[in-house]
């Protein structure tokens, strides 16, 4: 497994804070919360409580998804090897409960300085530097520090039209918006994992964004992304006002590492993006999956589509639902 590399240039290489809060203001004199109003509290400073109440207490959280690796045991999906080569298996299969109030408190106090995440919950300061981040997630820092747009080093080799031909069905319309219904079967699954786990979002799920297309092109061409940098970048974007908060299960991992107490808070759990589907034989699984896709998924570009994942083990049925 690749070790974390040294500092990388990009939006995260300078101190990043929330809204108009600057590094200088964070050093300003702060007010300790008196014991009478601190209740074994999430916050050690009154300014932290104000920040939380004004900007984060009502935020929504993106429901985390995880992969049941048994779904890929029959090796039907060749692209899964690309996920393994990129060191993503532990991250995409991470299954942890999360604590909404603690997640919001973590983000409320979050600062990103160079390659480190710095936050505080319950008065416990957490510094997740590059090396600790790798230790906990196994996400490599090797590769291009991708931030959703085409890297300068890739511009000579990448074209949108070529990438579309690479991932779409032969019947797909190559003009206008690229919809998930136009993707070939294995690319449909790949894109689902990208937008539900790696770069999670909660809207426009039927549309393939340029960043999704670039990442699929990266997988197909064997290039490398600095996945640790990309996750930190997504966390940085979430500090914008009213954005949904991603990776709540990852926050649980951080809280556990620093022994932050969580027992007094209600928890929520992630959902599988592969519902334990198990096919009896590789060749049967391929034809069965492909046929279900072509009949029920491949011809639609609407938000309402059919997920090719079963509700229990030992079956090859599909479940209707939101993509």
C-alpha atoms as a PDB file:
ATOM      1  CA  UNK A   1       0.000   0.000   0.000  1.00  0.00           C
ATOM      2  CA  UNK A   2       1.368   3.367  -0.928  1.00  0.00           C
ATOM      3  CA  UNK A   3       2.489   5.655   1.852  1.00  0.00           C
ATOM      4  CA  UNK A   4       1.243   9.214   2.050  1.00  0.00           C
ATOM      5  CA  UNK A   5       3.281  11.629  -0.005  1.00  0.00           C
ATOM      6  CA  UNK A   6       4.438  15.062   1.063  1.00  0.00           C
ATOM      7  CA  UNK A   7       2.447  18.294   0.811  1.00  0.00           C
ATOM      8  CA  UNK A   8       0.478  18.876  -2.366  1.00  0.00           C
ATOM      9  CA  UNK A   9      -0.544  22.100  -3.945  1.00  0.00           C
ATOM     10  CA  UNK A  10      -4.202  22.950  -4.267  1.00  0.00           C
ATOM     11  CA  UNK A  11      -7.048  24.559  -2.455  1.00  0.00           C
ATOM     12  CA  UNK A  12      -6.206  22.696   0.751  1.00  0.00           C
ATOM     13  CA  UNK A  13      -2.612  23.845   0.991  1.00  0.00           C
ATOM     14  CA  UNK A  14      -3.530  26.976   2.903  1.00  0.00           C
ATOM     15  CA  UNK A  15      -5.444  27.322   6.125  1.00  0.00           C
ATOM     16  CA  UNK A  16      -9.137  26.897   5.385  1.00  0.00           C
ATOM     17  CA  UNK A  17     -11.873  27.996   7.729  1.00  0.00           C
ATOM     18  CA  UNK A  18     -15.619  28.532   7.681  1.00  0.00           C
ATOM     19  CA  UNK A  19     -17.363  31.516   6.152  1.00  0.00           C
ATOM     20  CA  UNK A  20     -15.696  34.757   7.120  1.00  0.00           C
ATOM     21  CA  UNK A  21     -13.806  33.239  10.014  1.00  0.00           C
ATOM     22  CA  UNK A  22     -10.082  33.764   9.362  1.00  0.00           C
ATOM     23  CA  UNK A  23      -6.933  32.389  10.902  1.00  0.00           C
ATOM     24  CA  UNK A  24      -6.383  35.677  12.665  1.00  0.00           C
ATOM     25  CA  UNK A  25      -9.834  35.693  14.185  1.00  0.00           C
ATOM     26  CA  UNK A  26      -9.376  32.128  15.376  1.00  0.00           C
ATOM     27  CA  UNK A  27      -6.423  33.349  17.410  1.00  0.00           C
ATOM     28  CA  UNK A  28      -8.455  36.113  18.999  1.00  0.00           C
ATOM     29  CA  UNK A  29      -9.412  35.983  22.638  1.00  0.00           C
ATOM     30  CA  UNK A  30     -12.189  33.471  23.241  1.00  0.00           C
ATOM     31  CA  UNK A  31     -14.610  32.990  26.077  1.00  0.00           C
ATOM     32  CA  UNK A  32     -14.729  29.786  28.085  1.00  0.00           C
ATOM     33  CA  UNK A  33     -18.219  28.412  28.675  1.00  0.00           C
ATOM     34  CA  UNK A  34     -19.063  28.634  32.384  1.00  0.00           C
ATOM     35  CA  UNK A  35     -19.659  25.238  33.994  1.00  0.00           C
ATOM     36  CA  UNK A  36     -23.237  26.233  34.767  1.00  0.00           C
ATOM     37  CA  UNK A  37     -24.177  26.310  31.062  1.00  0.00           C
ATOM     38  CA  UNK A  38     -21.776  23.774  29.597  1.00  0.00           C
ATOM     39  CA  UNK A  39     -23.807  20.642  30.440  1.00  0.00           C
ATOM     40  CA  UNK A  40     -21.091  17.959  29.683  1.00  0.00           C
ATOM     41  CA  UNK A  41     -21.011  19.890  26.456  1.00  0.00           C
ATOM     42  CA  UNK A  42     -19.841  19.439  22.928  1.00  0.00           C
ATOM     43  CA  UNK A  43     -18.091  22.788  23.095  1.00  0.00           C
ATOM     44  CA  UNK A  44     -15.402  24.221  25.323  1.00  0.00           C
ATOM     45  CA  UNK A  45     -15.849  27.782  24.037  1.00  0.00           C
ATOM     46  CA  UNK A  46     -18.923  29.948  23.752  1.00  0.00           C
ATOM     47  CA  UNK A  47     -17.813  31.011  20.261  1.00  0.00           C
ATOM     48  CA  UNK A  48     -17.931  27.369  19.176  1.00  0.00           C
ATOM     49  CA  UNK A  49     -21.501  27.043  20.418  1.00  0.00           C
ATOM     50  CA  UNK A  50     -22.560  30.209  18.582  1.00  0.00           C
ATOM     51  CA  UNK A  51     -20.888  29.006  15.387  1.00  0.00           C
ATOM     52  CA  UNK A  52     -22.663  25.651  15.665  1.00  0.00           C
ATOM     53  CA  UNK A  53     -26.096  27.109  16.367  1.00  0.00           C
ATOM     54  CA  UNK A  54     -25.924  29.676  13.595  1.00  0.00           C
ATOM     55  CA  UNK A  55     -24.386  27.619  10.790  1.00  0.00           C
ATOM     56  CA  UNK A  56     -24.455  23.893  11.479  1.00  0.00           C
ATOM     57  CA  UNK A  57     -27.195  22.774  13.859  1.00  0.00           C
ATOM     58  CA  UNK A  58     -29.813  22.578  11.094  1.00  0.00           C
ATOM     59  CA  UNK A  59     -27.520  21.135   8.408  1.00  0.00           C
ATOM     60  CA  UNK A  60     -28.490  17.917   6.651  1.00  0.00           C
ATOM     61  CA  UNK A  61     -26.106  14.981   6.436  1.00  0.00           C
ATOM     62  CA  UNK A  62     -25.564  12.864   3.323  1.00  0.00           C
ATOM     63  CA  UNK A  63     -26.661   9.348   4.158  1.00  0.00           C
ATOM     64  CA  UNK A  64     -23.508   7.207   3.882  1.00  0.00           C
ATOM     65  CA  UNK A  65     -23.397   4.124   1.712  1.00  0.00           C
ATOM     66  CA  UNK A  66     -21.058   1.154   1.805  1.00  0.00           C
ATOM     67  CA  UNK A  67     -20.277  -1.789  -0.455  1.00  0.00           C
ATOM     68  CA  UNK A  68     -20.928  -5.376   0.526  1.00  0.00           C
ATOM     69  CA  UNK A  69     -17.779  -6.920  -0.939  1.00  0.00           C
ATOM     70  CA  UNK A  70     -19.476 -10.297  -1.299  1.00  0.00           C
ATOM     71  CA  UNK A  71     -21.332  -8.755  -4.237  1.00  0.00           C
ATOM     72  CA  UNK A  72     -18.076  -8.861  -6.225  1.00  0.00           C
ATOM     73  CA  UNK A  73     -16.919 -12.344  -5.195  1.00  0.00           C
ATOM     74  CA  UNK A  74     -17.783 -13.845  -8.584  1.00  0.00           C
ATOM     75  CA  UNK A  75     -15.466 -11.308 -10.299  1.00  0.00           C
ATOM     76  CA  UNK A  76     -18.110 -10.418 -12.860  1.00  0.00           C
ATOM     77  CA  UNK A  77     -17.185  -6.740 -12.688  1.00  0.00           C
ATOM     78  CA  UNK A  78     -13.695  -6.350 -14.113  1.00  0.00           C
ATOM     79  CA  UNK A  79     -13.498  -2.691 -13.073  1.00  0.00           C
ATOM     80  CA  UNK A  80     -13.491  -3.738  -9.407  1.00  0.00           C
ATOM     81  CA  UNK A  81      -9.800  -4.518  -9.843  1.00  0.00           C
ATOM     82  CA  UNK A  82      -9.226  -0.811 -10.503  1.00  0.00           C
ATOM     83  CA  UNK A  83     -10.736  -0.010  -7.100  1.00  0.00           C
ATOM     84  CA  UNK A  84      -8.409  -2.553  -5.517  1.00  0.00           C
ATOM     85  CA  UNK A  85      -5.363  -1.162  -7.328  1.00  0.00           C
ATOM     86  CA  UNK A  86      -6.277   2.326  -6.116  1.00  0.00           C
ATOM     87  CA  UNK A  87      -6.454   1.235  -2.483  1.00  0.00           C
ATOM     88  CA  UNK A  88     -10.152   2.076  -2.156  1.00  0.00           C
ATOM     89  CA  UNK A  89     -11.544  -1.203  -0.841  1.00  0.00           C
ATOM     90  CA  UNK A  90     -11.379  -0.413   2.873  1.00  0.00           C
ATOM     91  CA  UNK A  91     -12.927   3.008   2.321  1.00  0.00           C
ATOM     92  CA  UNK A  92     -15.837   1.940   0.112  1.00  0.00           C
ATOM     93  CA  UNK A  93     -16.695  -0.982   2.405  1.00  0.00           C
ATOM     94  CA  UNK A  94     -16.532   1.033   5.634  1.00  0.00           C
ATOM     95  CA  UNK A  95     -19.627   0.286   7.706  1.00  0.00           C
ATOM     96  CA  UNK A  96     -20.001   2.435  10.820  1.00  0.00           C
ATOM     97  CA  UNK A  97     -22.886   4.065  12.619  1.00  0.00           C
ATOM     98  CA  UNK A  98     -22.738   7.832  12.830  1.00  0.00           C
ATOM     99  CA  UNK A  99     -23.937  10.423  15.327  1.00  0.00           C
ATOM    100  CA  UNK A 100     -25.605  13.378  13.593  1.00  0.00           C
ATOM    101  CA  UNK A 101     -25.031  15.924  16.338  1.00  0.00           C
ATOM    102  CA  UNK A 102     -21.380  14.944  16.713  1.00  0.00           C
ATOM    103  CA  UNK A 103     -20.867  15.037  12.942  1.00  0.00           C
ATOM    104  CA  UNK A 104     -22.237  18.585  12.832  1.00  0.00           C
ATOM    105  CA  UNK A 105     -20.086  19.611  15.793  1.00  0.00           C
ATOM    106  CA  UNK A 106     -16.991  18.164  14.080  1.00  0.00           C
ATOM    107  CA  UNK A 107     -17.665  20.128  10.901  1.00  0.00           C
ATOM    108  CA  UNK A 108     -18.565  23.268  12.841  1.00  0.00           C
ATOM    109  CA  UNK A 109     -15.131  23.311  14.475  1.00  0.00           C
ATOM    110  CA  UNK A 110     -13.255  21.999  11.439  1.00  0.00           C
ATOM    111  CA  UNK A 111     -10.221  23.761  10.016  1.00  0.00           C
ATOM    112  CA  UNK A 112      -8.135  22.346   7.187  1.00  0.00           C
ATOM    113  CA  UNK A 113      -4.516  23.396   7.276  1.00  0.00           C
ATOM    114  CA  UNK A 114      -2.379  22.115   4.446  1.00  0.00           C
ATOM    115  CA  UNK A 115      -2.904  18.319   4.597  1.00  0.00           C
ATOM    116  CA  UNK A 116      -4.331  18.134   8.127  1.00  0.00           C
ATOM    117  CA  UNK A 117      -7.882  18.107   9.464  1.00  0.00           C
ATOM    118  CA  UNK A 118      -8.184  19.894  12.804  1.00  0.00           C
ATOM    119  CA  UNK A 119     -11.333  19.874  14.903  1.00  0.00           C
ATOM    120  CA  UNK A 120     -12.585  19.629  18.466  1.00  0.00           C
ATOM    121  CA  UNK A 121     -15.542  17.815  20.032  1.00  0.00           C
ATOM    122  CA  UNK A 122     -16.210  17.579  23.763  1.00  0.00           C
ATOM    123  CA  UNK A 123     -13.103  19.657  24.322  1.00  0.00           C
ATOM    124  CA  UNK A 124     -10.959  16.911  22.742  1.00  0.00           C
ATOM    125  CA  UNK A 125      -8.741  18.306  20.024  1.00  0.00           C
ATOM    126  CA  UNK A 126      -8.303  16.096  16.974  1.00  0.00           C
ATOM    127  CA  UNK A 127      -5.467  16.570  14.507  1.00  0.00           C
ATOM    128  CA  UNK A 128      -5.650  14.153  11.593  1.00  0.00           C
ATOM    129  CA  UNK A 129      -2.492  14.692   9.604  1.00  0.00           C
ATOM    130  CA  UNK A 130      -1.538  12.957   6.376  1.00  0.00           C
ATOM    131  CA  UNK A 131      -0.062   9.926   8.082  1.00  0.00           C
ATOM    132  CA  UNK A 132      -2.889   9.367  10.549  1.00  0.00           C
ATOM    133  CA  UNK A 133      -5.408   9.838   7.735  1.00  0.00           C
ATOM    134  CA  UNK A 134      -3.676   7.066   5.791  1.00  0.00           C
ATOM    135  CA  UNK A 135      -3.481   4.837   8.863  1.00  0.00           C
ATOM    136  CA  UNK A 136      -7.232   5.119   9.478  1.00  0.00           C
ATOM    137  CA  UNK A 137      -8.534   5.034   5.898  1.00  0.00           C
ATOM    138  CA  UNK A 138      -5.788   3.396   3.824  1.00  0.00           C
ATOM    139  CA  UNK A 139      -6.394   6.103   1.213  1.00  0.00           C
ATOM    140  CA  UNK A 140      -3.184   6.812  -0.628  1.00  0.00           C
ATOM    141  CA  UNK A 141      -1.777  10.292  -1.112  1.00  0.00           C
ATOM    142  CA  UNK A 142       0.043   9.229  -4.278  1.00  0.00           C
ATOM    143  CA  UNK A 143      -1.312  10.510  -7.553  1.00  0.00           C
ATOM    144  CA  UNK A 144      -2.785  13.725  -8.893  1.00  0.00           C
ATOM    145  CA  UNK A 145      -4.473  16.059  -6.340  1.00  0.00           C
ATOM    146  CA  UNK A 146      -7.777  15.999  -8.197  1.00  0.00           C
ATOM    147  CA  UNK A 147     -10.332  18.657  -7.205  1.00  0.00           C
ATOM    148  CA  UNK A 148     -13.164  18.009  -9.619  1.00  0.00           C
ATOM    149  CA  UNK A 149     -11.624  19.598 -12.708  1.00  0.00           C
ATOM    150  CA  UNK A 150      -9.228  18.281 -15.307  1.00  0.00           C
ATOM    151  CA  UNK A 151      -5.609  18.361 -14.188  1.00  0.00           C
ATOM    152  CA  UNK A 152      -3.188  20.201 -16.478  1.00  0.00           C
ATOM    153  CA  UNK A 153      -1.155  17.031 -16.925  1.00  0.00           C
ATOM    154  CA  UNK A 154      -4.164  15.179 -18.329  1.00  0.00           C
ATOM    155  CA  UNK A 155      -5.441  17.773 -20.794  1.00  0.00           C
ATOM    156  CA  UNK A 156      -3.402  16.436 -23.718  1.00  0.00           C
ATOM    157  CA  UNK A 157      -4.835  12.910 -23.316  1.00  0.00           C
ATOM    158  CA  UNK A 158      -8.414  13.605 -22.228  1.00  0.00           C
ATOM    159  CA  UNK A 159     -11.362  14.593 -24.357  1.00  0.00           C
ATOM    160  CA  UNK A 160     -14.998  14.573 -23.297  1.00  0.00           C
ATOM    161  CA  UNK A 161     -16.139  12.875 -26.507  1.00  0.00           C
ATOM    162  CA  UNK A 162     -13.583  10.061 -26.219  1.00  0.00           C
ATOM    163  CA  UNK A 163     -14.399   9.559 -22.555  1.00  0.00           C
ATOM    164  CA  UNK A 164     -18.109   9.356 -23.375  1.00  0.00           C
ATOM    165  CA  UNK A 165     -17.502   6.707 -26.019  1.00  0.00           C
ATOM    166  CA  UNK A 166     -15.481   4.814 -23.435  1.00  0.00           C
ATOM    167  CA  UNK A 167     -18.272   4.618 -20.839  1.00  0.00           C
ATOM    168  CA  UNK A 168     -21.559   4.781 -22.807  1.00  0.00           C
ATOM    169  CA  UNK A 169     -23.653   2.207 -24.617  1.00  0.00           C
ATOM    170  CA  UNK A 170     -23.617   2.120 -28.407  1.00  0.00           C
ATOM    171  CA  UNK A 171     -27.140   3.556 -28.489  1.00  0.00           C
ATOM    172  CA  UNK A 172     -26.347   6.522 -26.245  1.00  0.00           C
ATOM    173  CA  UNK A 173     -26.875  10.092 -27.382  1.00  0.00           C
ATOM    174  CA  UNK A 174     -23.429  11.694 -27.285  1.00  0.00           C
ATOM    175  CA  UNK A 175     -24.761  15.256 -27.360  1.00  0.00           C
ATOM    176  CA  UNK A 176     -26.123  17.346 -24.527  1.00  0.00           C
ATOM    177  CA  UNK A 177     -26.199  16.252 -20.906  1.00  0.00           C
ATOM    178  CA  UNK A 178     -24.790  12.851 -20.060  1.00  0.00           C
ATOM    179  CA  UNK A 179     -27.352  10.833 -18.101  1.00  0.00           C
ATOM    180  CA  UNK A 180     -26.733   7.714 -16.062  1.00  0.00           C
ATOM    181  CA  UNK A 181     -29.111   5.798 -18.298  1.00  0.00           C
ATOM    182  CA  UNK A 182     -26.665   6.210 -21.188  1.00  0.00           C
ATOM    183  CA  UNK A 183     -23.824   4.428 -19.387  1.00  0.00           C
ATOM    184  CA  UNK A 184     -22.787   0.874 -20.163  1.00  0.00           C
ATOM    185  CA  UNK A 185     -23.636  -1.664 -17.490  1.00  0.00           C
ATOM    186  CA  UNK A 186     -20.316  -1.811 -15.631  1.00  0.00           C
ATOM    187  CA  UNK A 187     -19.895   1.966 -15.903  1.00  0.00           C
ATOM    188  CA  UNK A 188     -23.343   2.431 -14.381  1.00  0.00           C
ATOM    189  CA  UNK A 189     -22.222   0.514 -11.305  1.00  0.00           C
ATOM    190  CA  UNK A 190     -18.894   2.350 -11.221  1.00  0.00           C
ATOM    191  CA  UNK A 191     -20.588   5.740 -11.414  1.00  0.00           C
ATOM    192  CA  UNK A 192     -22.971   4.742  -8.638  1.00  0.00           C
ATOM    193  CA  UNK A 193     -20.033   3.997  -6.334  1.00  0.00           C
ATOM    194  CA  UNK A 194     -18.383   7.290  -7.273  1.00  0.00           C
ATOM    195  CA  UNK A 195     -21.369   9.529  -6.550  1.00  0.00           C
ATOM    196  CA  UNK A 196     -22.633   7.605  -3.539  1.00  0.00           C
ATOM    197  CA  UNK A 197     -19.376   6.877  -1.695  1.00  0.00           C
ATOM    198  CA  UNK A 198     -16.270   8.540  -3.133  1.00  0.00           C
ATOM    199  CA  UNK A 199     -17.772  11.941  -4.040  1.00  0.00           C
ATOM    200  CA  UNK A 200     -21.149  11.667  -2.323  1.00  0.00           C
ATOM    201  CA  UNK A 201     -23.964  13.956  -3.326  1.00  0.00           C
ATOM    202  CA  UNK A 202     -27.687  13.992  -2.668  1.00  0.00           C
ATOM    203  CA  UNK A 203     -29.109  15.586  -5.820  1.00  0.00           C
ATOM    204  CA  UNK A 204     -28.829  15.304  -9.625  1.00  0.00           C
ATOM    205  CA  UNK A 205     -28.212  11.607  -9.211  1.00  0.00           C
ATOM    206  CA  UNK A 206     -29.394  10.751 -12.711  1.00  0.00           C
ATOM    207  CA  UNK A 207     -26.842  13.074 -14.294  1.00  0.00           C
ATOM    208  CA  UNK A 208     -23.193  12.223 -14.869  1.00  0.00           C
ATOM    209  CA  UNK A 209     -21.109  15.272 -14.012  1.00  0.00           C
ATOM    210  CA  UNK A 210     -17.794  16.018 -15.662  1.00  0.00           C
ATOM    211  CA  UNK A 211     -15.943  15.083 -12.474  1.00  0.00           C
ATOM    212  CA  UNK A 212     -17.666  11.662 -12.548  1.00  0.00           C
ATOM    213  CA  UNK A 213     -16.648  11.202 -16.185  1.00  0.00           C
ATOM    214  CA  UNK A 214     -13.051  12.163 -15.445  1.00  0.00           C
ATOM    215  CA  UNK A 215     -12.817   9.684 -12.567  1.00  0.00           C
ATOM    216  CA  UNK A 216     -14.177   6.841 -14.717  1.00  0.00           C
ATOM    217  CA  UNK A 217     -11.658   7.794 -17.405  1.00  0.00           C
ATOM    218  CA  UNK A 218      -8.914   7.701 -14.747  1.00  0.00           C
ATOM    219  CA  UNK A 219      -9.928   4.177 -13.728  1.00  0.00           C
ATOM    220  CA  UNK A 220     -10.052   2.928 -17.320  1.00  0.00           C
ATOM    221  CA  UNK A 221      -6.693   4.438 -18.270  1.00  0.00           C
ATOM    222  CA  UNK A 222      -4.824   3.319 -15.148  1.00  0.00           C
ATOM    223  CA  UNK A 223      -4.015   6.785 -13.850  1.00  0.00           C
ATOM    224  CA  UNK A 224      -3.814   7.608 -10.151  1.00  0.00           C
ATOM    225  CA  UNK A 225      -5.697  10.122  -8.007  1.00  0.00           C
ATOM    226  CA  UNK A 226      -4.643  11.370  -4.599  1.00  0.00           C
ATOM    227  CA  UNK A 227      -7.793  10.042  -2.930  1.00  0.00           C
ATOM    228  CA  UNK A 228      -6.897  11.385   0.504  1.00  0.00           C
ATOM    229  CA  UNK A 229      -6.639  14.883  -0.950  1.00  0.00           C
ATOM    230  CA  UNK A 230      -9.949  14.469  -2.785  1.00  0.00           C
ATOM    231  CA  UNK A 231     -11.805  13.456   0.394  1.00  0.00           C
ATOM    232  CA  UNK A 232     -10.372  16.424   2.284  1.00  0.00           C
ATOM    233  CA  UNK A 233     -11.346  18.673  -0.619  1.00  0.00           C
ATOM    234  CA  UNK A 234     -14.936  17.401  -0.478  1.00  0.00           C
ATOM    235  CA  UNK A 235     -15.005  18.051   3.261  1.00  0.00           C
ATOM    236  CA  UNK A 236     -13.718  21.569   2.606  1.00  0.00           C
ATOM    237  CA  UNK A 237     -16.509  22.224   0.088  1.00  0.00           C
ATOM    238  CA  UNK A 238     -19.057  21.108   2.665  1.00  0.00           C
ATOM    239  CA  UNK A 239     -18.126  24.033   4.908  1.00  0.00           C
ATOM    240  CA  UNK A 240     -20.105  26.284   2.585  1.00  0.00           C
ATOM    241  CA  UNK A 241     -23.377  27.532   3.970  1.00  0.00           C
ATOM    242  CA  UNK A 242     -26.280  25.094   3.612  1.00  0.00           C
ATOM    243  CA  UNK A 243     -24.280  22.301   1.956  1.00  0.00           C
ATOM    244  CA  UNK A 244     -25.043  18.770   3.133  1.00  0.00           C
ATOM    245  CA  UNK A 245     -22.272  17.207   5.212  1.00  0.00           C
ATOM    246  CA  UNK A 246     -20.498  14.185   3.669  1.00  0.00           C
ATOM    247  CA  UNK A 247     -18.657  11.172   5.099  1.00  0.00           C
ATOM    248  CA  UNK A 248     -20.416  10.937   8.502  1.00  0.00           C
ATOM    249  CA  UNK A 249     -19.117   7.394   8.990  1.00  0.00           C
ATOM    250  CA  UNK A 250     -15.586   8.721   8.461  1.00  0.00           C
ATOM    251  CA  UNK A 251     -16.180  11.248  11.245  1.00  0.00           C
ATOM    252  CA  UNK A 252     -17.153   8.331  13.504  1.00  0.00           C
ATOM    253  CA  UNK A 253     -13.796   6.729  12.700  1.00  0.00           C
ATOM    254  CA  UNK A 254     -12.019   9.917  13.802  1.00  0.00           C
ATOM    255  CA  UNK A 255     -14.107  10.208  16.970  1.00  0.00           C
ATOM    256  CA  UNK A 256     -13.364   6.604  17.902  1.00  0.00           C
ATOM    257  CA  UNK A 257      -9.643   7.054  17.375  1.00  0.00           C
ATOM    258  CA  UNK A 258      -9.521  10.039  19.719  1.00  0.00           C
ATOM    259  CA  UNK A 259     -11.843   8.401  22.286  1.00  0.00           C
ATOM    260  CA  UNK A 260     -14.528  11.042  21.988  1.00  0.00           C
ATOM    261  CA  UNK A 261     -17.571   9.856  24.003  1.00  0.00           C
ATOM    262  CA  UNK A 262     -20.509   8.994  21.773  1.00  0.00           C
ATOM    263  CA  UNK A 263     -22.718   6.801  23.985  1.00  0.00           C
ATOM    264  CA  UNK A 264     -25.122   9.583  24.994  1.00  0.00           C
ATOM    265  CA  UNK A 265     -26.037  10.507  21.405  1.00  0.00           C
ATOM    266  CA  UNK A 266     -28.468   8.723  19.076  1.00  0.00           C
ATOM    267  CA  UNK A 267     -26.824   7.053  16.125  1.00  0.00           C
ATOM    268  CA  UNK A 268     -27.782   6.314  12.535  1.00  0.00           C
ATOM    269  CA  UNK A 269     -26.400   3.736  10.159  1.00  0.00           C
ATOM    270  CA  UNK A 270     -25.272   3.585   6.547  1.00  0.00           C
ATOM    271  CA  UNK A 271     -26.991   1.665   3.779  1.00  0.00           C
ATOM    272  CA  UNK A 272     -25.501  -0.912   1.473  1.00  0.00           C
ATOM    273  CA  UNK A 273     -25.287   0.018  -2.161  1.00  0.00           C
ATOM    274  CA  UNK A 274     -25.042  -3.696  -2.908  1.00  0.00           C
ATOM    275  CA  UNK A 275     -27.692  -5.565  -0.955  1.00  0.00           C
ATOM    276  CA  UNK A 276     -25.798  -8.819  -0.533  1.00  0.00           C
ATOM    277  CA  UNK A 277     -26.526 -10.080  -4.033  1.00  0.00           C
ATOM    278  CA  UNK A 278     -24.969 -13.459  -4.672  1.00  0.00           C
ATOM    279  CA  UNK A 279     -25.116 -15.164  -8.049  1.00  0.00           C
ATOM    280  CA  UNK A 280     -24.816 -18.972  -8.308  1.00  0.00           C
ATOM    281  CA  UNK A 281     -22.379 -18.954 -11.250  1.00  0.00           C
ATOM    282  CA  UNK A 282     -20.196 -16.364 -12.894  1.00  0.00           C
ATOM    283  CA  UNK A 283     -21.558 -16.866 -16.385  1.00  0.00           C
ATOM    284  CA  UNK A 284     -25.161 -16.870 -15.143  1.00  0.00           C
ATOM    285  CA  UNK A 285     -24.520 -13.747 -13.069  1.00  0.00           C
ATOM    286  CA  UNK A 286     -23.144 -11.881 -16.044  1.00  0.00           C
ATOM    287  CA  UNK A 287     -26.067 -12.652 -18.314  1.00  0.00           C
ATOM    288  CA  UNK A 288     -28.640 -12.140 -15.578  1.00  0.00           C
ATOM    289  CA  UNK A 289     -27.202  -8.778 -14.468  1.00  0.00           C
ATOM    290  CA  UNK A 290     -26.803  -7.639 -18.044  1.00  0.00           C
ATOM    291  CA  UNK A 291     -30.333  -8.626 -19.020  1.00  0.00           C
ATOM    292  CA  UNK A 292     -31.875  -6.861 -16.006  1.00  0.00           C
ATOM    293  CA  UNK A 293     -29.864  -3.770 -16.815  1.00  0.00           C
ATOM    294  CA  UNK A 294     -30.848  -3.685 -20.469  1.00  0.00           C
ATOM    295  CA  UNK A 295     -34.527  -4.318 -19.762  1.00  0.00           C
ATOM    296  CA  UNK A 296     -35.001  -2.066 -16.759  1.00  0.00           C
ATOM    297  CA  UNK A 297     -32.200   0.470 -16.574  1.00  0.00           C
ATOM    298  CA  UNK A 298     -30.433   1.018 -19.834  1.00  0.00           C
ATOM    299  CA  UNK A 299     -33.263   2.863 -21.569  1.00  0.00           C
ATOM    300  CA  UNK A 300     -34.099   5.468 -18.935  1.00  0.00           C
ATOM    301  CA  UNK A 301     -32.482   8.764 -18.068  1.00  0.00           C
ATOM    302  CA  UNK A 302     -34.997   9.696 -15.397  1.00  0.00           C
ATOM    303  CA  UNK A 303     -34.287  10.131 -11.702  1.00  0.00           C
ATOM    304  CA  UNK A 304     -36.474   7.134 -10.922  1.00  0.00           C
ATOM    305  CA  UNK A 305     -34.579   4.049 -12.029  1.00  0.00           C
ATOM    306  CA  UNK A 306     -34.035   0.469 -10.993  1.00  0.00           C
ATOM    307  CA  UNK A 307     -31.146  -0.477  -8.735  1.00  0.00           C
ATOM    308  CA  UNK A 308     -29.606  -3.782  -9.707  1.00  0.00           C
ATOM    309  CA  UNK A 309     -29.173  -4.915  -6.148  1.00  0.00           C
ATOM    310  CA  UNK A 310     -31.253  -7.533  -4.360  1.00  0.00           C
ATOM    311  CA  UNK A 311     -32.749  -7.287  -0.879  1.00  0.00           C
ATOM    312  CA  UNK A 312     -31.190 -10.508   0.417  1.00  0.00           C
ATOM    313  CA  UNK A 313     -28.557 -13.158  -0.171  1.00  0.00           C
ATOM    314  CA  UNK A 314     -28.990 -15.889  -2.724  1.00  0.00           C
ATOM    315  CA  UNK A 315     -31.253 -14.027  -5.119  1.00  0.00           C
ATOM    316  CA  UNK A 316     -30.740 -12.146  -8.355  1.00  0.00           C
ATOM    317  CA  UNK A 317     -33.733  -9.867  -8.194  1.00  0.00           C
ATOM    318  CA  UNK A 318     -33.660  -6.115  -8.509  1.00  0.00           C
ATOM    319  CA  UNK A 319     -35.314  -3.563  -6.269  1.00  0.00           C
ATOM    320  CA  UNK A 320     -37.126  -0.494  -7.560  1.00  0.00           C
ATOM    321  CA  UNK A 321     -35.943   2.676  -5.891  1.00  0.00           C
ATOM    322  CA  UNK A 322     -34.292   6.045  -6.165  1.00  0.00           C
ATOM    323  CA  UNK A 323     -30.863   6.003  -7.794  1.00  0.00           C
END
